Amino acid sequence: MSAEPIMEPVMTQVDPIDLLSTFEKASPMPIRPEYVEGTAMVPPQANDDHNHGAGELFYQFRSAGIELVGFGNGYRAAHGDGKTMALIIPDFYVRRRRPTELDESYRKANKGWYPIDMIALVGEVTSTNHETDTGPKFRTYAAVGIPVYVLIDRHSQAAHCYTDPVLPGDDPTEAYYATDTKVDLGEPLPLPAPYPTLDTAPFVSD
């Protein structure tokens, strides 16, 4: 299905975790809503091309011996005061560690969301909501200091490896990645060690 994301600004007095839980319970079909930059969103259902390509990248990481690559988990980022800053479900990621007892306790306390500091590399494959991956998620991943952000932008037909996150002040919406290694889809995308160079050919349209 191709559709635009459903987006809803969140009132500051409402815990975003509780709001997303309400969305999930009210939906007649399974959904995994996210929360970024003050807005709750229900991403559009990914099509087969999206999922096939993301699966190919997952396989490339595993084939290179990166055993902590994964997908499907939700991660929570917090402001300095402990309030929820973002609730994100990346298309794929590489964890720093398998969940510890402390991580599982955090997940239980936060209704299914792991701490985002578990992530060493994060990846997104754009769908019709490409502005989310290139804007709010880009800034959020940089703000929390995730070292590597791999973005497959099917809208612009480019692949990016963003590194060197920068948070110039206290405002996470000002964060960015200082380094962008960019190639056209179909070309190999080099990643920093210990990660493999990614074959982006699966995302080239016939």
Protein backbone atom coordinates (compact mmCIF):
# COMPACT_ATOMS: atom_id res chain seq x y z
CA MET A 1 0.00 0.00 0.00
CA SER A 2 1.26 3.48 -0.81
CA ALA A 3 -0.04 6.18 1.48
CA GLU A 4 0.98 9.33 3.24
CA PRO A 5 1.92 9.08 6.92
CA ILE A 6 -0.66 10.05 9.51
CA MET A 7 0.82 12.79 11.68
CA GLU A 8 -0.53 14.43 14.82
CA PRO A 9 1.10 17.09 17.06
CA VAL A 10 1.31 15.96 20.67
CA MET A 11 0.16 18.02 23.62
CA THR A 12 3.12 18.55 25.96
CA GLN A 13 1.25 17.26 29.02
CA VAL A 14 0.64 13.87 27.38
CA ASP A 15 3.38 11.25 27.64
CA PRO A 16 4.08 10.28 24.01
CA ILE A 17 4.47 6.63 25.05
CA ASP A 18 0.90 6.60 26.35
CA LEU A 19 -0.38 8.38 23.27
CA LEU A 20 1.20 5.86 20.90
CA SER A 21 -0.22 3.02 22.98
CA THR A 22 -3.66 4.57 22.54
CA PHE A 23 -3.14 4.77 18.78
CA GLU A 24 -2.18 1.10 18.63
CA LYS A 25 -5.17 -0.01 20.69
CA ALA A 26 -7.61 2.06 18.64
CA SER A 27 -6.40 0.93 15.23
CA PRO A 28 -8.41 -1.79 13.47
CA MET A 29 -5.16 -3.07 11.91
CA PRO A 30 -1.66 -3.58 13.34
CA ILE A 31 0.38 -0.36 13.35
CA ARG A 32 3.69 0.78 14.86
CA PRO A 33 3.42 4.55 15.41
CA GLU A 34 6.47 6.68 16.10
CA TYR A 35 7.10 10.06 17.76
CA VAL A 36 9.65 12.57 16.46
CA GLU A 37 10.08 16.31 17.08
CA GLY A 38 6.81 16.71 18.94
CA THR A 39 4.71 14.84 16.39
CA ALA A 40 3.18 11.37 16.59
CA MET A 41 3.11 9.62 13.23
CA VAL A 42 1.90 6.38 11.74
CA PRO A 43 4.28 5.54 8.88
CA PRO A 44 2.72 4.28 5.67
CA GLN A 45 2.79 0.53 5.16
CA ALA A 46 6.03 -0.33 3.37
CA ASN A 47 5.78 -2.00 -0.03
CA ASP A 48 7.67 -5.09 -1.17
CA ASP A 49 10.49 -3.13 -2.84
CA HIS A 50 11.18 -1.34 0.45
CA ASN A 51 11.19 -4.52 2.52
CA HIS A 52 13.19 -6.52 -0.03
CA GLY A 53 15.89 -3.84 -0.15
CA ALA A 54 16.06 -3.46 3.63
CA GLY A 55 16.35 -7.25 3.92
CA GLU A 56 19.23 -7.27 1.43
CA LEU A 57 21.12 -4.71 3.53
CA PHE A 58 20.48 -6.76 6.68
CA TYR A 59 21.93 -9.82 4.92
CA GLN A 60 25.02 -7.87 3.83
CA PHE A 61 25.76 -6.89 7.42
CA ARG A 62 25.29 -10.45 8.65
CA SER A 63 27.46 -11.83 5.84
CA ALA A 64 30.20 -9.43 6.92
CA GLY A 65 30.11 -10.86 10.46
CA ILE A 66 28.11 -8.03 12.06
CA GLU A 67 26.02 -10.22 14.34
CA LEU A 68 24.28 -7.41 16.22
CA VAL A 69 22.45 -6.12 13.15
CA GLY A 70 18.71 -6.19 13.67
CA PHE A 71 15.29 -4.76 12.85
CA GLY A 72 11.90 -4.39 14.48
CA ASN A 73 12.82 -3.05 17.92
CA GLY A 74 11.57 0.35 19.04
CA TYR A 75 13.95 2.82 20.70
CA ARG A 76 13.35 5.78 23.01
CA ALA A 77 15.45 8.93 23.19
CA ALA A 78 15.12 11.26 26.16
CA HIS A 79 15.76 14.94 26.78
CA GLY A 80 18.16 15.96 29.53
CA ASP A 81 15.22 16.26 31.94
CA GLY A 82 14.24 12.64 31.25
CA LYS A 83 11.13 13.43 29.21
CA THR A 84 10.61 11.52 25.98
CA MET A 85 12.25 13.18 22.98
CA ALA A 86 11.62 10.50 20.35
CA LEU A 87 10.18 7.01 19.88
CA ILE A 88 11.57 5.46 16.71
CA ILE A 89 11.50 2.08 14.96
CA PRO A 90 14.37 2.10 12.44
CA ASP A 91 14.28 -0.04 9.31
CA PHE A 92 17.52 -1.66 10.48
CA TYR A 93 20.26 -1.03 13.02
CA VAL A 94 23.44 -2.35 14.55
CA ARG A 95 23.36 -2.57 18.32
CA ARG A 96 26.29 -1.94 20.64
CA ARG A 97 25.18 -4.88 22.77
CA ARG A 98 22.48 -7.46 23.25
CA PRO A 99 19.91 -6.20 25.76
CA THR A 100 21.14 -6.42 29.34
CA GLU A 101 18.90 -6.88 32.36
CA LEU A 102 19.02 -3.10 32.78
CA ASP A 103 17.95 -2.61 29.16
CA GLU A 104 15.05 -5.01 29.62
CA SER A 105 14.00 -3.19 32.79
CA TYR A 106 14.11 0.08 30.86
CA ARG A 107 11.98 -1.49 28.12
CA LYS A 108 9.42 -2.69 30.65
CA ALA A 109 9.26 0.70 32.35
CA ASN A 110 8.80 2.42 28.98
CA LYS A 111 6.14 0.08 27.59
CA GLY A 112 8.22 -1.72 24.97
CA TRP A 113 10.84 0.89 24.02
CA TYR A 114 14.56 0.16 24.46
CA PRO A 115 17.10 2.92 25.24
CA ILE A 116 18.45 4.45 22.05
CA ASP A 117 22.03 4.38 23.37
CA MET A 118 22.03 0.69 22.44
CA ILE A 119 22.40 1.69 18.77
CA ALA A 120 25.78 2.12 17.07
CA LEU A 121 24.47 2.39 13.49
CA VAL A 122 20.98 3.17 12.30
CA GLY A 123 19.46 2.77 8.84
CA GLU A 124 16.35 3.98 7.06
CA VAL A 125 14.92 3.25 3.62
CA THR A 126 12.57 5.98 2.45
CA SER A 127 8.97 5.40 1.44
CA THR A 128 6.39 8.07 0.63
CA ASN A 129 7.36 9.69 3.95
CA HIS A 130 10.90 10.47 2.77
CA GLU A 131 10.82 13.92 4.43
CA THR A 132 10.68 12.22 7.84
CA ASP A 133 13.87 10.23 7.24
CA THR A 134 15.73 13.18 5.71
CA GLY A 135 14.51 15.74 8.25
CA PRO A 136 13.24 14.91 11.76
CA LYS A 137 14.85 11.46 12.00
CA PHE A 138 18.13 12.78 10.56
CA ARG A 139 18.25 15.48 13.25
CA THR A 140 17.12 13.16 16.04
CA TYR A 141 19.72 10.50 15.29
CA ALA A 142 22.41 13.19 15.24
CA ALA A 143 21.10 14.79 18.46
CA VAL A 144 21.42 11.55 20.42
CA GLY A 145 24.89 10.90 19.02
CA ILE A 146 24.36 7.78 16.93
CA PRO A 147 27.73 7.57 15.13
CA VAL A 148 26.51 6.31 11.74
CA TYR A 149 23.24 6.93 9.90
CA VAL A 150 22.74 5.01 6.65
CA LEU A 151 19.97 6.47 4.51
CA ILE A 152 18.68 4.91 1.32
CA ASP A 153 16.75 7.78 -0.27
CA ARG A 154 14.65 6.22 -3.00
CA HIS A 155 13.06 9.61 -3.69
CA SER A 156 16.35 11.23 -4.75
CA GLN A 157 17.91 7.95 -5.95
CA ALA A 158 20.88 8.37 -3.62
CA ALA A 159 22.45 6.51 -0.70
CA HIS A 160 24.08 8.33 2.21
CA CYS A 161 26.40 7.37 5.02
CA TYR A 162 26.21 10.17 7.57
CA THR A 163 28.88 10.32 10.28
CA ASP A 164 30.24 12.77 12.87
CA PRO A 165 27.02 13.84 14.64
CA VAL A 166 26.96 17.42 15.95
CA LEU A 167 24.63 18.98 18.53
CA PRO A 168 25.63 22.66 18.56
CA GLY A 169 23.46 23.61 21.54
CA ASP A 170 20.59 22.33 23.64
CA ASP A 171 18.03 22.23 20.83
CA PRO A 172 17.91 18.76 19.22
CA THR A 173 16.27 20.21 16.09
CA GLU A 174 19.57 21.97 15.36
CA ALA A 175 21.58 18.72 15.29
CA TYR A 176 23.19 17.43 12.11
CA TYR A 177 25.86 15.10 10.75
CA ALA A 178 29.04 16.88 9.68
CA THR A 179 30.09 14.24 7.12
CA ASP A 180 27.98 12.88 4.27
CA THR A 181 29.33 10.12 2.03
CA LYS A 182 26.90 10.04 -0.87
CA VAL A 183 26.57 7.79 -3.92
CA ASP A 184 23.92 7.19 -6.55
CA LEU A 185 21.75 4.14 -6.00
CA GLY A 186 23.42 1.20 -7.70
CA GLU A 187 26.89 2.28 -6.62
CA PRO A 188 28.70 0.79 -3.59
CA LEU A 189 28.30 2.83 -0.40
CA PRO A 190 31.42 2.77 1.79
CA LEU A 191 30.85 2.66 5.56
CA PRO A 192 33.39 3.22 8.34
CA ALA A 193 35.11 0.19 9.88
CA PRO A 194 34.11 -2.38 10.99
CA TYR A 195 31.11 -2.21 8.67
CA PRO A 196 31.03 -3.51 5.09
CA THR A 197 30.70 -1.49 1.92
CA LEU A 198 27.04 -1.81 0.98
CA ASP A 199 25.77 -2.90 -2.41
CA THR A 200 22.88 -0.55 -3.19
CA ALA A 201 21.93 -2.28 -6.46
CA PRO A 202 18.80 -3.86 -4.91
CA PHE A 203 17.25 -0.39 -4.83
CA VAL A 204 17.71 0.35 -8.52
CA SER A 205 14.42 0.23 -10.39
CA ASP A 206 14.27 -1.97 -13.46
